[in-house]
């Protein structure tokens, strides 16, 4: 059975759980056979958690950290696993139906061939590519993937072009530059979206965008004086740096359009930001300046090691 202390902490909310995890990294997290209806586990750190036989109907695992988690025999009806990190997790004999697998790498997940499908589920094309087609055929059939697609899937996904997306975060006062950058990235076939700090976060559509932002591959921040005084933009910078610390890859790609980032910005993680290779778009209203900076920036997105943080 679940450890009562661990269950009590989880029921306080995922933020309380994550803080406890950070303070007790070596504690074995026991949530065996726990029963939670529609639990919101967004961005939770459930790595290595013992969840065998857990009843997690309609669980929201958006961006949840689940590497090494034991989900043997768990009930995952309606589970939303978009953006969840599932490396070496164990799904042996899990009961699944009406679940969503999106933006996941399933290539190292254990026991997928034994999953009991109680209804069709959705597997995104991004999951197929991230997994390089290494998903058991029994699992695909159980989810309802057509047989013709299964036959050709591995040949299509074996050598994919790099599959990534980015969000552009900025102050609305930089809308002109943001729109130009967005249009030029789209023209280069970079999948990107932009949102400004003044978006109406209370509207349902912006709630969905806030969820999507958690799952971008890369965050482009226009580091103007206006942006770096914006709480929503700062929040996204902090999230990106936290993901870099956790995933050991580059997520944040800053762009400077003035000197505020280096001269006047004061933030606890400033050193982490300025240590990166920063796209220099100062005087970007000059066509020659912009034309020189843009190709270098696109190259950095395609070769993120060039923008690595020391």
Protein backbone atom coordinates (compact mmCIF):
# COMPACT_ATOMS: atom_id res chain seq x y z
CA UNK A 1 0.00 0.00 0.00
CA UNK A 2 1.00 3.63 -0.43
CA UNK A 3 3.10 5.26 2.26
CA UNK A 4 0.57 7.53 4.10
CA UNK A 5 3.16 10.29 4.49
CA UNK A 6 3.99 10.31 0.80
CA UNK A 7 0.32 10.29 -0.17
CA UNK A 8 -0.42 13.18 2.18
CA UNK A 9 2.33 15.26 0.59
CA UNK A 10 1.11 14.50 -2.94
CA UNK A 11 -2.43 15.52 -2.04
CA UNK A 12 -1.14 18.96 -1.04
CA UNK A 13 -0.33 19.57 -4.67
CA UNK A 14 2.48 18.98 -7.10
CA UNK A 15 4.46 22.03 -5.95
CA UNK A 16 4.57 20.71 -2.37
CA UNK A 17 5.53 17.29 -3.72
CA UNK A 18 8.37 18.68 -5.86
CA UNK A 19 9.78 20.68 -2.93
CA UNK A 20 9.73 17.60 -0.72
CA UNK A 21 11.40 15.55 -3.47
CA UNK A 22 14.16 18.13 -3.80
CA UNK A 23 14.86 17.93 -0.06
CA UNK A 24 14.66 14.12 0.06
CA UNK A 25 16.21 12.90 -3.20
CA UNK A 26 17.21 9.47 -1.91
CA UNK A 27 13.90 8.54 -0.31
CA UNK A 28 12.06 5.70 -2.09
CA UNK A 29 8.67 7.15 -3.04
CA UNK A 30 5.98 4.59 -2.36
CA UNK A 31 2.56 5.23 -3.89
CA UNK A 32 1.60 1.61 -4.46
CA UNK A 33 -2.08 1.07 -5.30
CA UNK A 34 -2.83 4.72 -4.62
CA UNK A 35 -6.26 5.87 -5.82
CA UNK A 36 -6.50 9.39 -7.24
CA UNK A 37 -9.35 10.68 -9.40
CA UNK A 38 -8.28 13.21 -12.06
CA UNK A 39 -4.98 14.02 -10.34
CA UNK A 40 -3.11 17.04 -11.74
CA UNK A 41 0.53 15.99 -11.84
CA UNK A 42 1.71 18.62 -14.32
CA UNK A 43 5.49 19.17 -14.20
CA UNK A 44 5.75 16.80 -11.25
CA UNK A 45 8.95 14.97 -10.36
CA UNK A 46 7.80 11.36 -10.15
CA UNK A 47 11.09 9.84 -11.24
CA UNK A 48 11.58 6.39 -9.77
CA UNK A 49 8.25 6.50 -7.95
CA UNK A 50 6.63 3.18 -7.05
CA UNK A 51 3.11 3.28 -8.56
CA UNK A 52 2.26 -0.38 -9.23
CA UNK A 53 -1.48 -0.97 -9.27
CA UNK A 54 -2.19 2.74 -8.86
CA UNK A 55 -5.61 3.98 -9.94
CA UNK A 56 -4.85 7.16 -11.91
CA UNK A 57 -7.99 7.64 -13.99
CA UNK A 58 -7.83 10.81 -16.15
CA UNK A 59 -4.48 11.79 -14.68
CA UNK A 60 -2.82 14.85 -16.18
CA UNK A 61 0.87 14.05 -16.68
CA UNK A 62 1.69 17.09 -18.84
CA UNK A 63 5.49 17.44 -18.75
CA UNK A 64 5.72 15.14 -15.73
CA UNK A 65 9.13 13.65 -14.95
CA UNK A 66 8.62 9.85 -14.83
CA UNK A 67 11.95 8.18 -15.74
CA UNK A 68 12.31 4.86 -13.95
CA UNK A 69 8.79 5.05 -12.52
CA UNK A 70 7.10 1.73 -11.76
CA UNK A 71 3.60 1.79 -13.31
CA UNK A 72 3.15 -2.00 -13.48
CA UNK A 73 -0.54 -2.82 -13.48
CA UNK A 74 -1.54 0.83 -13.02
CA UNK A 75 -4.94 2.04 -14.27
CA UNK A 76 -4.32 4.87 -16.74
CA UNK A 77 -7.71 5.40 -18.36
CA UNK A 78 -7.83 8.81 -19.99
CA UNK A 79 -4.27 9.64 -18.90
CA UNK A 80 -2.83 12.68 -20.66
CA UNK A 81 0.88 11.92 -21.07
CA UNK A 82 1.78 14.71 -23.48
CA UNK A 83 5.35 15.81 -22.92
CA UNK A 84 5.92 13.34 -20.08
CA UNK A 85 9.46 11.97 -19.69
CA UNK A 86 9.17 8.20 -19.65
CA UNK A 87 12.73 6.92 -20.01
CA UNK A 88 13.01 3.40 -18.58
CA UNK A 89 9.61 3.60 -16.93
CA UNK A 90 7.76 0.30 -16.55
CA UNK A 91 4.26 -0.07 -18.06
CA UNK A 92 4.05 -3.85 -17.72
CA UNK A 93 0.39 -4.96 -17.57
CA UNK A 94 -0.81 -1.36 -17.19
CA UNK A 95 -4.48 -0.83 -18.10
CA UNK A 96 -4.76 1.89 -20.73
CA UNK A 97 -7.60 3.39 -22.73
CA UNK A 98 -8.40 6.79 -24.19
CA UNK A 99 -4.89 7.90 -23.23
CA UNK A 100 -2.81 10.49 -25.09
CA UNK A 101 0.84 9.88 -25.92
CA UNK A 102 2.20 13.08 -27.43
CA UNK A 103 5.78 14.35 -27.66
CA UNK A 104 7.05 11.26 -25.81
CA UNK A 105 10.02 8.99 -26.40
CA UNK A 106 8.69 5.48 -25.83
CA UNK A 107 11.75 3.67 -27.13
CA UNK A 108 13.05 2.73 -23.65
CA UNK A 109 9.71 2.20 -21.90
CA UNK A 110 9.44 -1.32 -20.50
CA UNK A 111 6.49 -3.64 -20.93
CA UNK A 112 4.58 -1.76 -23.64
CA UNK A 113 3.91 -5.03 -25.43
CA UNK A 114 2.02 -6.28 -22.35
CA UNK A 115 -0.20 -3.21 -21.86
CA UNK A 116 -3.88 -4.11 -21.59
CA UNK A 117 -5.82 -1.82 -23.92
CA UNK A 118 -9.38 -1.23 -22.74
CA UNK A 119 -10.06 1.13 -25.64
CA UNK A 120 -8.21 3.11 -28.32
CA UNK A 121 -5.61 5.70 -27.40
CA UNK A 122 -3.90 8.49 -29.30
CA UNK A 123 -0.23 8.31 -30.31
CA UNK A 124 1.13 11.51 -31.84
CA UNK A 125 3.34 11.65 -34.90
CA UNK A 126 5.87 13.48 -32.71
CA UNK A 127 5.95 10.44 -30.41
CA UNK A 128 6.56 8.13 -33.39
CA UNK A 129 9.51 10.24 -34.49
CA UNK A 130 10.95 10.79 -31.03
CA UNK A 131 10.83 7.04 -30.49
CA UNK A 132 12.45 6.48 -33.92
CA UNK A 133 9.69 3.97 -34.56
CA UNK A 134 10.84 1.76 -31.67
CA UNK A 135 7.41 1.05 -30.23
CA UNK A 136 6.13 -2.53 -29.96
CA UNK A 137 3.62 -3.34 -32.70
CA UNK A 138 1.29 -4.93 -30.15
CA UNK A 139 1.11 -1.60 -28.33
CA UNK A 140 0.43 0.31 -31.54
CA UNK A 141 -2.33 -2.07 -32.57
CA UNK A 142 -3.86 -1.90 -29.11
CA UNK A 143 -3.95 1.88 -29.37
CA UNK A 144 -5.74 1.60 -32.68
CA UNK A 145 -2.94 2.55 -35.10
CA UNK A 146 -3.82 1.32 -38.62
CA UNK A 147 -1.91 -1.73 -39.85
CA UNK A 148 -0.66 -0.01 -43.02
CA UNK A 149 0.94 2.73 -40.96
CA UNK A 150 2.60 0.21 -38.66
CA UNK A 151 4.18 -1.51 -41.67
CA UNK A 152 5.84 1.64 -42.96
CA UNK A 153 6.37 3.47 -39.68
CA UNK A 154 9.93 2.38 -38.93
CA UNK A 155 11.21 3.25 -42.38
CA UNK A 156 9.65 6.69 -42.08
CA UNK A 157 10.95 7.38 -38.57
CA UNK A 158 14.38 5.73 -38.69
CA UNK A 159 16.31 8.77 -39.96
CA UNK A 160 14.10 11.74 -39.22
CA UNK A 161 15.04 15.36 -39.74
CA UNK A 162 15.53 17.00 -36.35
CA UNK A 163 12.08 17.47 -34.90
CA UNK A 164 11.86 20.51 -32.70
CA UNK A 165 9.77 23.53 -31.95
CA UNK A 166 10.38 26.82 -30.26
CA UNK A 167 8.41 29.53 -28.53
CA UNK A 168 9.29 33.20 -28.77
CA UNK A 169 8.77 35.00 -25.48
CA UNK A 170 8.76 38.79 -25.48
CA UNK A 171 7.20 42.02 -24.28
CA UNK A 172 4.32 43.35 -26.37
CA UNK A 173 6.40 46.51 -26.82
CA UNK A 174 8.72 44.42 -29.01
CA UNK A 175 5.89 43.12 -31.20
CA UNK A 176 7.37 44.47 -34.43
CA UNK A 177 10.69 42.68 -34.03
CA UNK A 178 8.99 39.52 -32.68
CA UNK A 179 6.69 39.34 -35.71
CA UNK A 180 9.59 39.76 -38.10
CA UNK A 181 11.62 37.05 -36.35
CA UNK A 182 8.61 34.72 -36.26
CA UNK A 183 7.89 35.14 -39.96
CA UNK A 184 11.52 34.57 -40.93
CA UNK A 185 11.80 31.44 -38.77
CA UNK A 186 8.63 30.04 -40.33
CA UNK A 187 10.11 30.73 -43.76
CA UNK A 188 13.11 28.61 -42.71
CA UNK A 189 10.73 25.76 -41.79
CA UNK A 190 11.29 26.19 -38.06
CA UNK A 191 8.11 25.28 -36.18
CA UNK A 192 7.59 28.20 -33.86
CA UNK A 193 4.94 30.08 -31.94
CA UNK A 194 5.06 33.40 -30.18
CA UNK A 195 3.25 34.83 -27.23
CA UNK A 196 3.61 38.16 -25.53
CA UNK A 197 3.52 39.03 -21.86
CA UNK A 198 0.09 40.66 -22.13
CA UNK A 199 -1.73 37.59 -23.42
CA UNK A 200 -5.06 37.09 -21.65
CA UNK A 201 -4.07 34.21 -19.43
CA UNK A 202 -7.58 33.88 -18.04
CA UNK A 203 -9.00 32.89 -21.41
CA UNK A 204 -9.30 29.14 -22.11
CA UNK A 205 -7.19 29.34 -25.26
CA UNK A 206 -4.31 30.93 -23.35
CA UNK A 207 -4.57 28.22 -20.74
CA UNK A 208 -3.88 25.75 -23.52
CA UNK A 209 -0.96 27.83 -24.77
CA UNK A 210 0.48 27.97 -21.25
CA UNK A 211 0.35 24.18 -21.23
CA UNK A 212 1.99 23.99 -24.65
CA UNK A 213 4.80 26.30 -23.61
CA UNK A 214 5.85 23.75 -21.02
CA UNK A 215 6.62 21.33 -23.83
CA UNK A 216 8.52 23.44 -26.36
CA UNK A 217 11.94 22.11 -27.30
CA UNK A 218 13.51 25.55 -27.20
CA UNK A 219 12.60 28.94 -25.77
CA UNK A 220 13.69 32.05 -27.62
CA UNK A 221 13.60 35.12 -25.39
CA UNK A 222 13.87 38.62 -26.80
CA UNK A 223 15.92 40.09 -23.96
CA UNK A 224 14.93 43.73 -24.19
CA UNK A 225 14.59 46.07 -21.24
CA UNK A 226 10.82 45.67 -21.50
CA UNK A 227 10.91 41.86 -21.53
CA UNK A 228 13.36 41.53 -18.67
CA UNK A 229 11.06 43.57 -16.45
CA UNK A 230 8.10 41.32 -17.26
CA UNK A 231 7.10 38.68 -14.69
CA UNK A 232 5.68 36.21 -17.30
CA UNK A 233 8.85 36.41 -19.39
CA UNK A 234 11.08 35.96 -16.34
CA UNK A 235 9.00 32.94 -15.35
CA UNK A 236 9.65 31.32 -18.72
CA UNK A 237 13.39 32.02 -18.47
CA UNK A 238 13.45 30.32 -15.07
CA UNK A 239 11.47 27.35 -16.37
CA UNK A 240 13.84 26.94 -19.31
CA UNK A 241 16.91 27.01 -17.07
CA UNK A 242 15.32 24.47 -14.72
CA UNK A 243 14.70 22.18 -17.69
CA UNK A 244 18.32 22.56 -18.76
CA UNK A 245 19.47 21.57 -15.29
CA UNK A 246 17.17 18.55 -15.34
CA UNK A 247 17.50 17.39 -18.94
CA UNK A 248 21.16 18.31 -19.55
CA UNK A 249 20.42 19.95 -22.88
CA UNK A 250 20.01 23.49 -24.15
CA UNK A 251 16.53 24.95 -24.00
CA UNK A 252 17.02 28.72 -23.59
CA UNK A 253 18.18 30.80 -26.57
CA UNK A 254 18.40 34.49 -25.63
CA UNK A 255 18.45 37.36 -28.13
CA UNK A 256 19.61 40.85 -27.22
CA UNK A 257 18.12 43.90 -28.89
CA UNK A 258 19.61 46.44 -26.50
CA UNK A 259 22.24 46.51 -23.73
CA UNK A 260 19.91 46.02 -20.75
CA UNK A 261 20.67 42.30 -20.35
CA UNK A 262 24.36 42.91 -19.66
CA UNK A 263 24.35 46.40 -18.17
CA UNK A 264 21.31 46.68 -15.91
CA UNK A 265 19.44 43.40 -15.49
CA UNK A 266 19.61 42.02 -11.95
CA UNK A 267 18.47 38.44 -11.44
CA UNK A 268 19.83 35.44 -9.46
CA UNK A 269 20.35 33.43 -12.67
CA UNK A 270 21.75 36.23 -14.79
CA UNK A 271 25.12 34.50 -14.94
CA UNK A 272 23.49 31.40 -16.45
CA UNK A 273 21.86 33.50 -19.16
CA UNK A 274 24.77 35.74 -20.12
CA UNK A 275 27.19 32.80 -20.26
CA UNK A 276 25.34 31.56 -23.34
CA UNK A 277 26.09 32.54 -26.91
CA UNK A 278 23.54 35.33 -27.28
CA UNK A 279 22.07 36.38 -30.61
CA UNK A 280 23.03 40.01 -31.16
CA UNK A 281 20.20 41.85 -32.91
CA UNK A 282 21.01 45.33 -31.68
CA UNK A 283 20.29 47.92 -34.37
CA UNK A 284 18.14 45.26 -36.05
CA UNK A 285 16.25 47.97 -37.90
CA UNK A 286 19.34 48.09 -40.09
CA UNK A 287 18.84 45.50 -42.83
CA UNK A 288 22.51 44.59 -43.03
CA UNK A 289 22.74 44.03 -39.27
CA UNK A 290 19.64 41.83 -39.19
CA UNK A 291 20.68 39.90 -42.30
CA UNK A 292 24.00 39.07 -40.67
CA UNK A 293 22.57 38.07 -37.28
CA UNK A 294 19.61 35.97 -38.42
CA UNK A 295 21.49 33.12 -40.20
CA UNK A 296 23.81 32.74 -37.22
CA UNK A 297 20.81 32.49 -34.92
CA UNK A 298 19.12 29.84 -37.07
CA UNK A 299 22.38 27.88 -37.08
CA UNK A 300 22.46 28.03 -33.27
CA UNK A 301 18.94 26.60 -33.12
CA UNK A 302 19.97 23.74 -35.39
CA UNK A 303 23.22 23.17 -33.49
CA UNK A 304 22.32 23.91 -29.86
CA UNK A 305 25.73 22.89 -28.55
CA UNK A 306 26.96 26.27 -29.84
CA UNK A 307 24.75 27.94 -27.28
CA UNK A 308 25.66 25.74 -24.34
CA UNK A 309 25.86 27.14 -20.86
CA UNK A 310 29.12 26.67 -19.00
